[in-house]
Amino acid sequence: MTLWKKNWLRKDPQKSKDTPDRFHELKSEIAVIRKQGEGPTKDPGTFSQYLCDLCTSPHPVPELRQCVLCGRWACKTCWKDEFYTCKSCAGLIAVHSRMSRE
């Protein structure tokens, strides 16, 4: 049997029903603001810029990133590369990671 077949046949250990699933807890606390792929809000004061959903400052589209959890569009100052999320969701992730360590 080849190596890739051995790994494929191996089953992951079953999770206990008593242990909380941190990812699902986190997802239940985060409200989805925009669906993935939904564009940012246009800035009414300019012709070609869009608003950051957190600080509401205008930016061109290439300077905004969409959060993978809530769908908000965030500028460079409102973005956390550590979790690839906006500051709002990164704060919740930090709280949940502290809770899981305790």
N, C-alpha and C. Protein backbone atom coordinates (compact mmCIF):
# COMPACT_ATOMS: atom_id res chain seq x y z
N MET A 1 0.84 -1.17 0.00
CA MET A 1 0.00 0.00 0.00
C MET A 1 0.89 1.24 0.00
N THR A 2 0.59 2.19 -0.84
CA THR A 2 1.41 3.39 -0.93
C THR A 2 1.10 4.32 0.25
N LEU A 3 2.00 5.25 0.44
CA LEU A 3 1.90 6.15 1.58
C LEU A 3 0.63 6.99 1.55
N TRP A 4 0.26 7.53 0.39
CA TRP A 4 -0.92 8.37 0.33
C TRP A 4 -2.19 7.59 0.61
N LYS A 5 -2.21 6.30 0.30
CA LYS A 5 -3.39 5.49 0.60
C LYS A 5 -3.50 5.25 2.11
N LYS A 6 -2.38 5.08 2.77
CA LYS A 6 -2.42 4.87 4.22
C LYS A 6 -2.99 6.10 4.92
N ASN A 7 -2.54 7.29 4.51
CA ASN A 7 -3.04 8.51 5.14
C ASN A 7 -4.51 8.74 4.83
N TRP A 8 -4.91 8.36 3.66
CA TRP A 8 -6.29 8.58 3.25
C TRP A 8 -7.24 7.66 4.04
N LEU A 9 -6.80 6.46 4.34
CA LEU A 9 -7.64 5.51 5.04
C LEU A 9 -7.68 5.76 6.55
N ARG A 10 -6.72 6.49 7.06
CA ARG A 10 -6.68 6.76 8.49
C ARG A 10 -7.82 7.69 8.87
N LYS A 11 -8.49 7.35 9.93
CA LYS A 11 -9.60 8.18 10.39
C LYS A 11 -9.13 9.08 11.51
N ASP A 12 -9.69 10.28 11.53
CA ASP A 12 -9.38 11.22 12.60
C ASP A 12 -10.10 10.77 13.86
N PRO A 13 -9.50 11.02 15.02
CA PRO A 13 -10.18 10.65 16.27
C PRO A 13 -11.49 11.41 16.42
N GLN A 14 -12.47 10.76 16.96
CA GLN A 14 -13.79 11.37 17.16
C GLN A 14 -13.70 12.43 18.25
N LYS A 15 -14.38 13.54 18.03
CA LYS A 15 -14.45 14.59 19.05
C LYS A 15 -15.48 14.20 20.10
N SER A 16 -15.16 14.53 21.31
CA SER A 16 -16.10 14.29 22.38
C SER A 16 -17.25 15.27 22.28
N LYS A 17 -18.45 14.84 22.60
CA LYS A 17 -19.62 15.72 22.55
C LYS A 17 -19.54 16.80 23.64
N ASP A 18 -18.74 16.56 24.68
CA ASP A 18 -18.62 17.51 25.78
C ASP A 18 -17.68 18.67 25.47
N THR A 19 -16.70 18.46 24.57
CA THR A 19 -15.75 19.53 24.27
C THR A 19 -16.39 20.51 23.30
N PRO A 20 -16.32 21.80 23.61
CA PRO A 20 -16.94 22.80 22.74
C PRO A 20 -16.17 22.96 21.44
N ASP A 21 -16.88 23.19 20.37
CA ASP A 21 -16.26 23.43 19.08
C ASP A 21 -16.05 24.94 18.97
N ARG A 22 -14.83 25.39 19.16
CA ARG A 22 -14.52 26.82 19.23
C ARG A 22 -14.87 27.55 17.94
N PHE A 23 -14.65 26.91 16.79
CA PHE A 23 -14.95 27.56 15.52
C PHE A 23 -16.43 27.86 15.39
N HIS A 24 -17.29 26.91 15.74
CA HIS A 24 -18.73 27.13 15.63
C HIS A 24 -19.22 28.15 16.66
N GLU A 25 -18.60 28.18 17.83
CA GLU A 25 -18.93 29.21 18.82
C GLU A 25 -18.59 30.59 18.27
N LEU A 26 -17.42 30.71 17.65
CA LEU A 26 -16.99 31.97 17.08
C LEU A 26 -17.91 32.41 15.96
N LYS A 27 -18.25 31.51 15.06
CA LYS A 27 -19.13 31.83 13.94
C LYS A 27 -20.52 32.25 14.42
N SER A 28 -20.98 31.68 15.52
CA SER A 28 -22.30 32.04 16.03
C SER A 28 -22.32 33.45 16.62
N GLU A 29 -21.16 33.96 17.05
CA GLU A 29 -21.08 35.30 17.63
C GLU A 29 -20.86 36.39 16.59
N ILE A 30 -20.43 36.03 15.40
CA ILE A 30 -20.12 37.02 14.37
C ILE A 30 -21.29 37.15 13.42
N ALA A 31 -21.81 38.37 13.34
CA ALA A 31 -22.90 38.65 12.40
C ALA A 31 -22.32 38.87 11.01
N VAL A 32 -22.92 38.24 10.01
CA VAL A 32 -22.48 38.43 8.64
C VAL A 32 -23.05 39.75 8.14
N ILE A 33 -22.16 40.67 7.83
CA ILE A 33 -22.55 42.00 7.37
C ILE A 33 -22.80 41.99 5.86
N ARG A 34 -21.91 41.33 5.14
CA ARG A 34 -22.02 41.18 3.69
C ARG A 34 -21.70 39.75 3.30
N LYS A 35 -22.31 39.30 2.22
CA LYS A 35 -21.97 37.99 1.69
C LYS A 35 -20.61 38.08 1.00
N GLN A 36 -19.89 36.95 0.96
CA GLN A 36 -18.60 36.92 0.28
C GLN A 36 -18.80 37.27 -1.19
N GLY A 37 -17.98 38.18 -1.69
CA GLY A 37 -18.06 38.60 -3.07
C GLY A 37 -18.94 39.82 -3.29
N GLU A 38 -19.72 40.19 -2.29
CA GLU A 38 -20.55 41.39 -2.39
C GLU A 38 -19.64 42.61 -2.27
N GLY A 39 -19.81 43.56 -3.15
CA GLY A 39 -18.92 44.71 -3.22
C GLY A 39 -19.06 45.68 -2.07
N PRO A 40 -18.04 46.55 -1.90
CA PRO A 40 -18.11 47.57 -0.85
C PRO A 40 -19.05 48.70 -1.24
N THR A 41 -19.37 49.55 -0.28
CA THR A 41 -20.26 50.69 -0.49
C THR A 41 -19.50 51.83 -1.16
N LYS A 42 -20.10 52.40 -2.20
CA LYS A 42 -19.47 53.54 -2.89
C LYS A 42 -19.50 54.76 -2.00
N ASP A 43 -18.43 55.55 -2.09
CA ASP A 43 -18.35 56.81 -1.36
C ASP A 43 -19.16 57.85 -2.14
N PRO A 44 -20.20 58.42 -1.53
CA PRO A 44 -21.02 59.39 -2.26
C PRO A 44 -20.30 60.69 -2.59
N GLY A 45 -19.21 60.99 -1.91
CA GLY A 45 -18.49 62.24 -2.13
C GLY A 45 -17.45 62.17 -3.23
N THR A 46 -17.10 60.98 -3.66
CA THR A 46 -16.09 60.83 -4.72
C THR A 46 -16.66 59.96 -5.83
N PHE A 47 -15.98 59.96 -6.95
CA PHE A 47 -16.46 59.22 -8.11
C PHE A 47 -16.02 57.76 -8.09
N SER A 48 -14.77 57.50 -7.68
CA SER A 48 -14.23 56.15 -7.85
C SER A 48 -13.71 55.53 -6.56
N GLN A 49 -14.18 55.97 -5.40
CA GLN A 49 -13.69 55.39 -4.16
C GLN A 49 -14.83 54.72 -3.40
N TYR A 50 -14.43 53.83 -2.48
CA TYR A 50 -15.37 53.04 -1.71
C TYR A 50 -15.05 53.21 -0.23
N LEU A 51 -16.03 52.95 0.62
CA LEU A 51 -15.88 53.18 2.05
C LEU A 51 -15.43 51.92 2.80
N CYS A 52 -14.52 52.13 3.74
CA CYS A 52 -14.16 51.08 4.68
C CYS A 52 -15.36 50.91 5.61
N ASP A 53 -15.79 49.69 5.85
CA ASP A 53 -16.97 49.46 6.69
C ASP A 53 -16.71 49.74 8.17
N LEU A 54 -15.46 49.81 8.57
CA LEU A 54 -15.16 50.04 9.99
C LEU A 54 -14.89 51.51 10.31
N CYS A 55 -14.04 52.16 9.54
CA CYS A 55 -13.71 53.57 9.85
C CYS A 55 -14.39 54.55 8.89
N THR A 56 -15.08 54.06 7.91
CA THR A 56 -15.82 54.84 6.89
C THR A 56 -14.96 55.84 6.13
N SER A 57 -13.67 55.59 6.02
CA SER A 57 -12.81 56.46 5.22
C SER A 57 -12.81 55.96 3.78
N PRO A 58 -12.75 56.87 2.80
CA PRO A 58 -12.79 56.46 1.39
C PRO A 58 -11.44 55.92 0.91
N HIS A 59 -11.50 54.86 0.09
CA HIS A 59 -10.30 54.22 -0.48
C HIS A 59 -10.64 53.67 -1.85
N PRO A 60 -9.64 53.55 -2.73
CA PRO A 60 -9.89 52.82 -3.98
C PRO A 60 -10.07 51.32 -3.65
N VAL A 61 -10.77 50.60 -4.49
CA VAL A 61 -11.07 49.18 -4.24
C VAL A 61 -9.81 48.35 -3.97
N PRO A 62 -8.70 48.54 -4.70
CA PRO A 62 -7.52 47.69 -4.42
C PRO A 62 -6.96 47.83 -3.01
N GLU A 63 -7.29 48.91 -2.32
CA GLU A 63 -6.80 49.11 -0.95
C GLU A 63 -7.71 48.49 0.10
N LEU A 64 -8.84 47.94 -0.30
CA LEU A 64 -9.78 47.32 0.64
C LEU A 64 -9.70 45.80 0.53
N ARG A 65 -9.92 45.13 1.66
CA ARG A 65 -9.96 43.66 1.71
C ARG A 65 -11.25 43.24 2.39
N GLN A 66 -11.81 42.13 1.92
CA GLN A 66 -13.05 41.65 2.52
C GLN A 66 -12.73 40.60 3.59
N CYS A 67 -13.31 40.79 4.77
CA CYS A 67 -13.12 39.86 5.89
C CYS A 67 -13.74 38.51 5.54
N VAL A 68 -13.03 37.45 5.86
CA VAL A 68 -13.51 36.11 5.53
C VAL A 68 -14.62 35.64 6.48
N LEU A 69 -14.79 36.29 7.61
CA LEU A 69 -15.81 35.87 8.56
C LEU A 69 -17.09 36.68 8.46
N CYS A 70 -16.99 38.02 8.50
CA CYS A 70 -18.19 38.85 8.53
C CYS A 70 -18.52 39.49 7.18
N GLY A 71 -17.55 39.53 6.27
CA GLY A 71 -17.78 40.11 4.96
C GLY A 71 -17.57 41.60 4.87
N ARG A 72 -17.17 42.25 5.99
CA ARG A 72 -16.92 43.69 5.95
C ARG A 72 -15.72 43.97 5.05
N TRP A 73 -15.73 45.17 4.44
CA TRP A 73 -14.59 45.64 3.68
C TRP A 73 -13.76 46.53 4.59
N ALA A 74 -12.45 46.25 4.70
CA ALA A 74 -11.59 46.97 5.63
C ALA A 74 -10.37 47.54 4.92
N CYS A 75 -9.97 48.73 5.35
CA CYS A 75 -8.75 49.36 4.82
C CYS A 75 -7.53 48.79 5.57
N LYS A 76 -6.35 49.28 5.20
CA LYS A 76 -5.12 48.76 5.78
C LYS A 76 -5.06 48.95 7.30
N THR A 77 -5.58 50.05 7.80
CA THR A 77 -5.53 50.30 9.25
C THR A 77 -6.56 49.47 10.02
N CYS A 78 -7.61 49.04 9.35
CA CYS A 78 -8.66 48.25 10.01
C CYS A 78 -8.51 46.76 9.73
N TRP A 79 -7.39 46.33 9.20
CA TRP A 79 -7.17 44.95 8.80
C TRP A 79 -6.12 44.30 9.68
N LYS A 80 -6.33 43.03 10.03
CA LYS A 80 -5.36 42.27 10.81
C LYS A 80 -4.89 41.08 9.97
N ASP A 81 -3.63 41.13 9.52
CA ASP A 81 -3.08 40.05 8.71
C ASP A 81 -2.91 38.76 9.50
N GLU A 82 -2.83 38.86 10.82
CA GLU A 82 -2.62 37.67 11.67
C GLU A 82 -3.72 36.62 11.46
N PHE A 83 -4.96 37.07 11.35
CA PHE A 83 -6.08 36.14 11.17
C PHE A 83 -6.75 36.28 9.81
N TYR A 84 -6.27 37.21 8.97
CA TYR A 84 -6.85 37.55 7.67
C TYR A 84 -8.32 37.94 7.85
N THR A 85 -8.52 38.84 8.83
CA THR A 85 -9.87 39.33 9.14
C THR A 85 -9.81 40.82 9.46
N CYS A 86 -10.98 41.42 9.60
CA CYS A 86 -11.05 42.82 10.04
C CYS A 86 -10.73 42.89 11.54
N LYS A 87 -10.52 44.12 12.04
CA LYS A 87 -10.20 44.30 13.46
C LYS A 87 -11.31 43.79 14.37
N SER A 88 -12.53 43.95 13.94
CA SER A 88 -13.66 43.52 14.75
C SER A 88 -13.63 42.01 14.99
N CYS A 89 -13.48 41.25 13.93
CA CYS A 89 -13.45 39.79 14.05
C CYS A 89 -12.16 39.30 14.70
N ALA A 90 -11.04 40.00 14.45
CA ALA A 90 -9.78 39.62 15.07
C ALA A 90 -9.86 39.73 16.59
N GLY A 91 -10.59 40.72 17.08
CA GLY A 91 -10.78 40.86 18.52
C GLY A 91 -11.54 39.68 19.11
N LEU A 92 -12.58 39.23 18.41
CA LEU A 92 -13.33 38.06 18.88
C LEU A 92 -12.48 36.79 18.83
N ILE A 93 -11.65 36.66 17.80
CA ILE A 93 -10.77 35.49 17.71
C ILE A 93 -9.78 35.50 18.87
N ALA A 94 -9.24 36.67 19.20
CA ALA A 94 -8.30 36.77 20.32
C ALA A 94 -8.96 36.39 21.63
N VAL A 95 -10.19 36.82 21.84
CA VAL A 95 -10.92 36.47 23.06
C VAL A 95 -11.15 34.96 23.12
N HIS A 96 -11.57 34.37 22.02
CA HIS A 96 -11.81 32.93 22.00
C HIS A 96 -10.52 32.13 22.18
N SER A 97 -9.42 32.61 21.63
CA SER A 97 -8.16 31.89 21.80
C SER A 97 -7.68 31.95 23.25
N ARG A 98 -7.93 33.09 23.93
CA ARG A 98 -7.60 33.18 25.36
C ARG A 98 -8.47 32.25 26.18
N MET A 99 -9.73 32.14 25.82
CA MET A 99 -10.65 31.26 26.56
C MET A 99 -10.24 29.80 26.40
N SER A 100 -9.77 29.42 25.21
CA SER A 100 -9.40 28.02 24.99
C SER A 100 -8.11 27.66 25.71
N ARG A 101 -7.25 28.66 26.00
CA ARG A 101 -6.01 28.39 26.73
C ARG A 101 -6.26 28.21 28.22
N GLU A 102 -7.35 28.77 28.71
CA GLU A 102 -7.62 28.71 30.15
C GLU A 102 -8.23 27.41 30.55
